[in-house]
């Protein structure tokens, strides 16, 4: 037990933890996940899970273009390489 305690308090262990945290930050900045829902007024509304980015479009194709524009505007530098758009539809089923 003493060895584990010494290892976890060592500088090497702390540097590895810091490096893993930095890698995690880099990975989250490589891609963004958007959640799309149908708007009550027609069209689609899209928002991110992690960032305060919100956009909308009348068609799916327009929405995808608006997402690209919103991401470029949100990030001055270091914009993610990929954007995932997930469409969520809320359906009530009588059983």
N, C-alpha and C. Protein backbone atom coordinates (compact mmCIF):
# COMPACT_ATOMS: atom_id res chain seq x y z
N UNK A 1 0.82 -1.19 0.00
CA UNK A 1 0.00 0.00 0.00
C UNK A 1 0.86 1.26 0.00
N UNK A 2 1.99 1.20 0.68
CA UNK A 2 2.87 2.34 0.75
C UNK A 2 3.42 2.70 -0.63
N UNK A 3 3.72 1.67 -1.46
CA UNK A 3 4.24 1.91 -2.80
C UNK A 3 3.24 2.67 -3.67
N UNK A 4 1.97 2.27 -3.61
CA UNK A 4 0.93 2.93 -4.39
C UNK A 4 0.83 4.39 -3.98
N UNK A 5 0.85 4.65 -2.68
CA UNK A 5 0.78 6.01 -2.19
C UNK A 5 1.96 6.84 -2.68
N UNK A 6 3.15 6.27 -2.63
CA UNK A 6 4.34 6.99 -3.09
C UNK A 6 4.25 7.27 -4.59
N UNK A 7 3.78 6.29 -5.37
CA UNK A 7 3.68 6.47 -6.81
C UNK A 7 2.68 7.56 -7.16
N UNK A 8 1.55 7.56 -6.49
CA UNK A 8 0.52 8.56 -6.80
C UNK A 8 0.93 9.96 -6.39
N UNK A 9 1.85 10.08 -5.50
CA UNK A 9 2.33 11.40 -5.09
C UNK A 9 3.62 11.79 -5.80
N UNK A 10 4.10 10.95 -6.69
CA UNK A 10 5.35 11.26 -7.38
C UNK A 10 5.11 12.28 -8.49
N UNK A 11 6.17 12.97 -8.87
CA UNK A 11 6.08 13.96 -9.94
C UNK A 11 5.76 13.32 -11.28
N UNK A 12 6.32 12.14 -11.52
CA UNK A 12 6.06 11.44 -12.78
C UNK A 12 4.58 11.13 -12.93
N UNK A 13 3.95 10.64 -11.88
CA UNK A 13 2.52 10.33 -11.90
C UNK A 13 1.71 11.60 -12.18
N UNK A 14 2.05 12.69 -11.53
CA UNK A 14 1.32 13.94 -11.72
C UNK A 14 1.49 14.47 -13.13
N UNK A 15 2.70 14.32 -13.71
CA UNK A 15 2.91 14.75 -15.10
C UNK A 15 2.09 13.91 -16.06
N UNK A 16 2.00 12.61 -15.82
CA UNK A 16 1.19 11.74 -16.67
C UNK A 16 -0.28 12.14 -16.58
N UNK A 17 -0.76 12.42 -15.40
CA UNK A 17 -2.15 12.85 -15.22
C UNK A 17 -2.42 14.15 -15.96
N UNK A 18 -1.50 15.10 -15.86
CA UNK A 18 -1.64 16.37 -16.57
C UNK A 18 -1.67 16.15 -18.07
N UNK A 19 -0.81 15.28 -18.57
CA UNK A 19 -0.76 14.98 -20.00
C UNK A 19 -2.08 14.35 -20.46
N UNK A 20 -2.60 13.42 -19.69
CA UNK A 20 -3.87 12.78 -20.05
C UNK A 20 -5.01 13.79 -20.06
N UNK A 21 -5.00 14.73 -19.13
CA UNK A 21 -6.02 15.78 -19.12
C UNK A 21 -5.92 16.63 -20.37
N UNK A 22 -4.71 16.99 -20.77
CA UNK A 22 -4.52 17.80 -21.98
C UNK A 22 -4.97 17.05 -23.22
N UNK A 23 -4.65 15.76 -23.29
CA UNK A 23 -5.10 14.95 -24.43
C UNK A 23 -6.62 14.91 -24.46
N UNK A 24 -7.25 14.77 -23.32
CA UNK A 24 -8.70 14.78 -23.25
C UNK A 24 -9.29 16.08 -23.74
N UNK A 25 -8.66 17.20 -23.40
CA UNK A 25 -9.13 18.50 -23.87
C UNK A 25 -9.00 18.60 -25.38
N UNK A 26 -7.90 18.12 -25.93
CA UNK A 26 -7.69 18.17 -27.37
C UNK A 26 -8.73 17.33 -28.09
N UNK A 27 -9.04 16.16 -27.57
CA UNK A 27 -10.01 15.29 -28.22
C UNK A 27 -11.40 15.92 -28.23
N UNK A 28 -11.78 16.57 -27.16
CA UNK A 28 -13.11 17.18 -27.13
C UNK A 28 -13.19 18.36 -28.07
N UNK A 29 -12.07 18.99 -28.39
CA UNK A 29 -12.10 20.12 -29.30
C UNK A 29 -12.02 19.69 -30.76
N UNK A 30 -11.76 18.42 -31.04
CA UNK A 30 -11.69 17.95 -32.42
C UNK A 30 -13.06 17.75 -33.02
N UNK A 31 -14.06 17.54 -32.21
CA UNK A 31 -15.40 17.33 -32.73
C UNK A 31 -16.44 17.86 -31.76
N UNK A 32 -17.57 18.24 -32.32
CA UNK A 32 -18.69 18.75 -31.54
C UNK A 32 -19.92 17.93 -31.91
N UNK A 33 -20.75 17.64 -30.93
CA UNK A 33 -22.00 16.92 -31.18
C UNK A 33 -23.16 17.90 -31.06
N UNK A 34 -23.97 17.99 -32.11
CA UNK A 34 -25.17 18.81 -32.10
C UNK A 34 -26.39 17.91 -31.99
N UNK A 35 -27.39 18.37 -31.28
CA UNK A 35 -28.66 17.66 -31.17
C UNK A 35 -29.71 18.49 -31.90
N UNK A 36 -30.37 17.88 -32.90
CA UNK A 36 -31.39 18.58 -33.69
C UNK A 36 -32.77 18.06 -33.31
N UNK A 37 -33.71 18.99 -33.21
CA UNK A 37 -35.11 18.64 -32.98
C UNK A 37 -35.96 19.44 -33.95
N UNK A 38 -37.16 18.93 -34.24
CA UNK A 38 -38.07 19.68 -35.09
C UNK A 38 -38.64 20.85 -34.30
N UNK A 39 -38.71 22.00 -34.94
CA UNK A 39 -39.27 23.19 -34.31
C UNK A 39 -40.79 23.15 -34.40
N UNK A 40 -41.45 23.70 -33.41
CA UNK A 40 -42.91 23.77 -33.43
C UNK A 40 -43.40 24.65 -34.57
N UNK A 41 -42.57 25.63 -34.97
CA UNK A 41 -42.92 26.55 -36.05
C UNK A 41 -42.51 26.02 -37.42
N UNK A 42 -41.97 24.82 -37.48
CA UNK A 42 -41.45 24.26 -38.72
C UNK A 42 -39.94 24.42 -38.76
N UNK A 43 -39.29 23.57 -39.51
CA UNK A 43 -37.83 23.62 -39.58
C UNK A 43 -37.20 22.86 -38.43
N UNK A 44 -35.95 23.17 -38.19
CA UNK A 44 -35.17 22.44 -37.19
C UNK A 44 -34.42 23.40 -36.28
N UNK A 45 -34.22 22.99 -35.05
CA UNK A 45 -33.42 23.73 -34.08
C UNK A 45 -32.28 22.81 -33.66
N UNK A 46 -31.08 23.38 -33.53
CA UNK A 46 -29.91 22.58 -33.21
C UNK A 46 -29.14 23.26 -32.08
N UNK A 47 -28.64 22.46 -31.14
CA UNK A 47 -27.80 22.99 -30.07
C UNK A 47 -26.73 21.97 -29.73
N UNK A 48 -25.67 22.43 -29.09
CA UNK A 48 -24.57 21.55 -28.71
C UNK A 48 -24.76 21.06 -27.29
N UNK A 49 -24.06 19.97 -26.98
CA UNK A 49 -24.09 19.45 -25.62
C UNK A 49 -23.07 20.17 -24.74
N UNK A 50 -21.94 20.58 -25.30
CA UNK A 50 -20.85 21.13 -24.49
C UNK A 50 -20.66 22.64 -24.62
N UNK A 51 -21.01 23.20 -25.76
CA UNK A 51 -20.74 24.62 -26.01
C UNK A 51 -22.05 25.39 -26.12
N UNK A 52 -21.97 26.70 -25.98
CA UNK A 52 -23.17 27.52 -26.10
C UNK A 52 -23.34 27.96 -27.55
N UNK A 53 -23.57 26.98 -28.41
CA UNK A 53 -23.80 27.24 -29.83
C UNK A 53 -25.22 26.79 -30.14
N UNK A 54 -25.98 27.67 -30.77
CA UNK A 54 -27.38 27.40 -31.08
C UNK A 54 -27.66 27.93 -32.48
N UNK A 55 -28.36 27.16 -33.30
CA UNK A 55 -28.72 27.63 -34.64
C UNK A 55 -29.99 26.94 -35.10
N UNK A 56 -30.53 27.40 -36.22
CA UNK A 56 -31.74 26.80 -36.76
C UNK A 56 -31.76 26.91 -38.27
N UNK A 57 -32.60 26.11 -38.91
CA UNK A 57 -32.74 26.14 -40.36
C UNK A 57 -34.10 25.61 -40.77
N UNK A 58 -34.57 26.03 -41.95
CA UNK A 58 -35.88 25.58 -42.43
C UNK A 58 -35.84 24.16 -42.96
N UNK A 59 -34.70 23.76 -43.53
CA UNK A 59 -34.53 22.41 -44.05
C UNK A 59 -33.31 21.79 -43.39
N UNK A 60 -33.17 20.47 -43.53
CA UNK A 60 -32.02 19.77 -42.96
C UNK A 60 -30.73 20.28 -43.59
N UNK A 61 -30.73 20.48 -44.91
CA UNK A 61 -29.53 20.96 -45.61
C UNK A 61 -29.15 22.36 -45.14
N UNK A 62 -30.15 23.23 -44.99
CA UNK A 62 -29.88 24.58 -44.50
C UNK A 62 -29.35 24.54 -43.07
N UNK A 63 -29.89 23.66 -42.26
CA UNK A 63 -29.44 23.52 -40.88
C UNK A 63 -27.96 23.12 -40.84
N UNK A 64 -27.56 22.18 -41.68
CA UNK A 64 -26.16 21.76 -41.70
C UNK A 64 -25.23 22.91 -42.09
N UNK A 65 -25.64 23.73 -43.05
CA UNK A 65 -24.84 24.90 -43.42
C UNK A 65 -24.79 25.92 -42.28
N UNK A 66 -25.90 26.10 -41.59
CA UNK A 66 -25.94 27.03 -40.46
C UNK A 66 -25.05 26.54 -39.32
N UNK A 67 -24.97 25.23 -39.14
CA UNK A 67 -24.09 24.67 -38.10
C UNK A 67 -22.64 25.01 -38.41
N UNK A 68 -22.24 24.80 -39.66
CA UNK A 68 -20.85 25.13 -40.06
C UNK A 68 -20.55 26.59 -39.77
N UNK A 69 -21.47 27.47 -40.15
CA UNK A 69 -21.27 28.90 -39.94
C UNK A 69 -21.20 29.24 -38.45
N UNK A 70 -22.08 28.63 -37.65
CA UNK A 70 -22.10 28.91 -36.21
C UNK A 70 -20.81 28.45 -35.54
N UNK A 71 -20.28 27.29 -35.96
CA UNK A 71 -19.04 26.78 -35.37
C UNK A 71 -17.88 27.70 -35.72
N UNK A 72 -17.81 28.15 -36.98
CA UNK A 72 -16.74 29.06 -37.40
C UNK A 72 -16.80 30.37 -36.63
N UNK A 73 -18.01 30.87 -36.37
CA UNK A 73 -18.15 32.12 -35.62
C UNK A 73 -17.80 31.95 -34.15
N UNK A 74 -18.10 30.79 -33.58
CA UNK A 74 -17.87 30.55 -32.15
C UNK A 74 -16.39 30.43 -31.82
N UNK A 75 -15.63 29.77 -32.69
CA UNK A 75 -14.20 29.55 -32.45
C UNK A 75 -13.39 30.49 -33.34
N UNK A 76 -12.62 31.38 -32.71
CA UNK A 76 -11.72 32.23 -33.49
C UNK A 76 -10.62 31.38 -34.11
N UNK A 77 -10.01 30.55 -33.30
CA UNK A 77 -8.97 29.63 -33.75
C UNK A 77 -9.24 28.27 -33.14
N UNK A 78 -8.71 27.24 -33.74
CA UNK A 78 -8.83 25.90 -33.18
C UNK A 78 -10.23 25.31 -33.28
N UNK A 79 -10.95 25.66 -34.35
CA UNK A 79 -12.28 25.08 -34.54
C UNK A 79 -12.15 23.58 -34.73
N UNK A 80 -13.10 22.82 -34.25
CA UNK A 80 -13.04 21.37 -34.39
C UNK A 80 -13.07 20.95 -35.86
N UNK A 81 -12.48 19.81 -36.14
CA UNK A 81 -12.44 19.31 -37.51
C UNK A 81 -13.76 18.67 -37.92
N UNK A 82 -14.49 18.13 -36.96
CA UNK A 82 -15.71 17.39 -37.27
C UNK A 82 -16.88 17.88 -36.42
N UNK A 83 -18.06 17.81 -37.01
CA UNK A 83 -19.30 18.12 -36.31
C UNK A 83 -20.25 16.95 -36.55
N UNK A 84 -20.80 16.41 -35.48
CA UNK A 84 -21.79 15.34 -35.58
C UNK A 84 -23.16 15.94 -35.31
N UNK A 85 -24.10 15.71 -36.22
CA UNK A 85 -25.47 16.19 -36.04
C UNK A 85 -26.37 14.98 -35.79
N UNK A 86 -27.04 14.99 -34.66
CA UNK A 86 -27.96 13.91 -34.30
C UNK A 86 -29.38 14.45 -34.30
N UNK A 87 -30.25 13.76 -35.00
CA UNK A 87 -31.65 14.18 -35.05
C UNK A 87 -32.43 13.39 -34.02
N UNK A 88 -33.16 14.10 -33.15
CA UNK A 88 -33.94 13.47 -32.10
C UNK A 88 -35.41 13.78 -32.36
N UNK A 89 -36.22 12.75 -32.39
CA UNK A 89 -37.65 12.95 -32.60
C UNK A 89 -38.39 12.37 -31.41
N UNK A 90 -39.22 13.20 -30.80
CA UNK A 90 -40.00 12.79 -29.63
C UNK A 90 -41.34 12.26 -30.11
N UNK A 91 -41.60 10.99 -29.85
CA UNK A 91 -42.82 10.34 -30.32
C UNK A 91 -43.55 9.71 -29.13
N UNK A 92 -44.86 9.93 -29.06
CA UNK A 92 -45.68 9.28 -28.05
C UNK A 92 -46.47 8.16 -28.71
N UNK A 93 -46.41 6.97 -28.13
CA UNK A 93 -47.07 5.81 -28.71
C UNK A 93 -48.11 5.30 -27.71
N UNK A 94 -49.35 5.16 -28.16
CA UNK A 94 -50.41 4.61 -27.31
C UNK A 94 -50.30 3.09 -27.33
N UNK A 95 -50.38 2.48 -26.15
CA UNK A 95 -50.31 1.01 -26.07
C UNK A 95 -51.53 0.44 -25.40
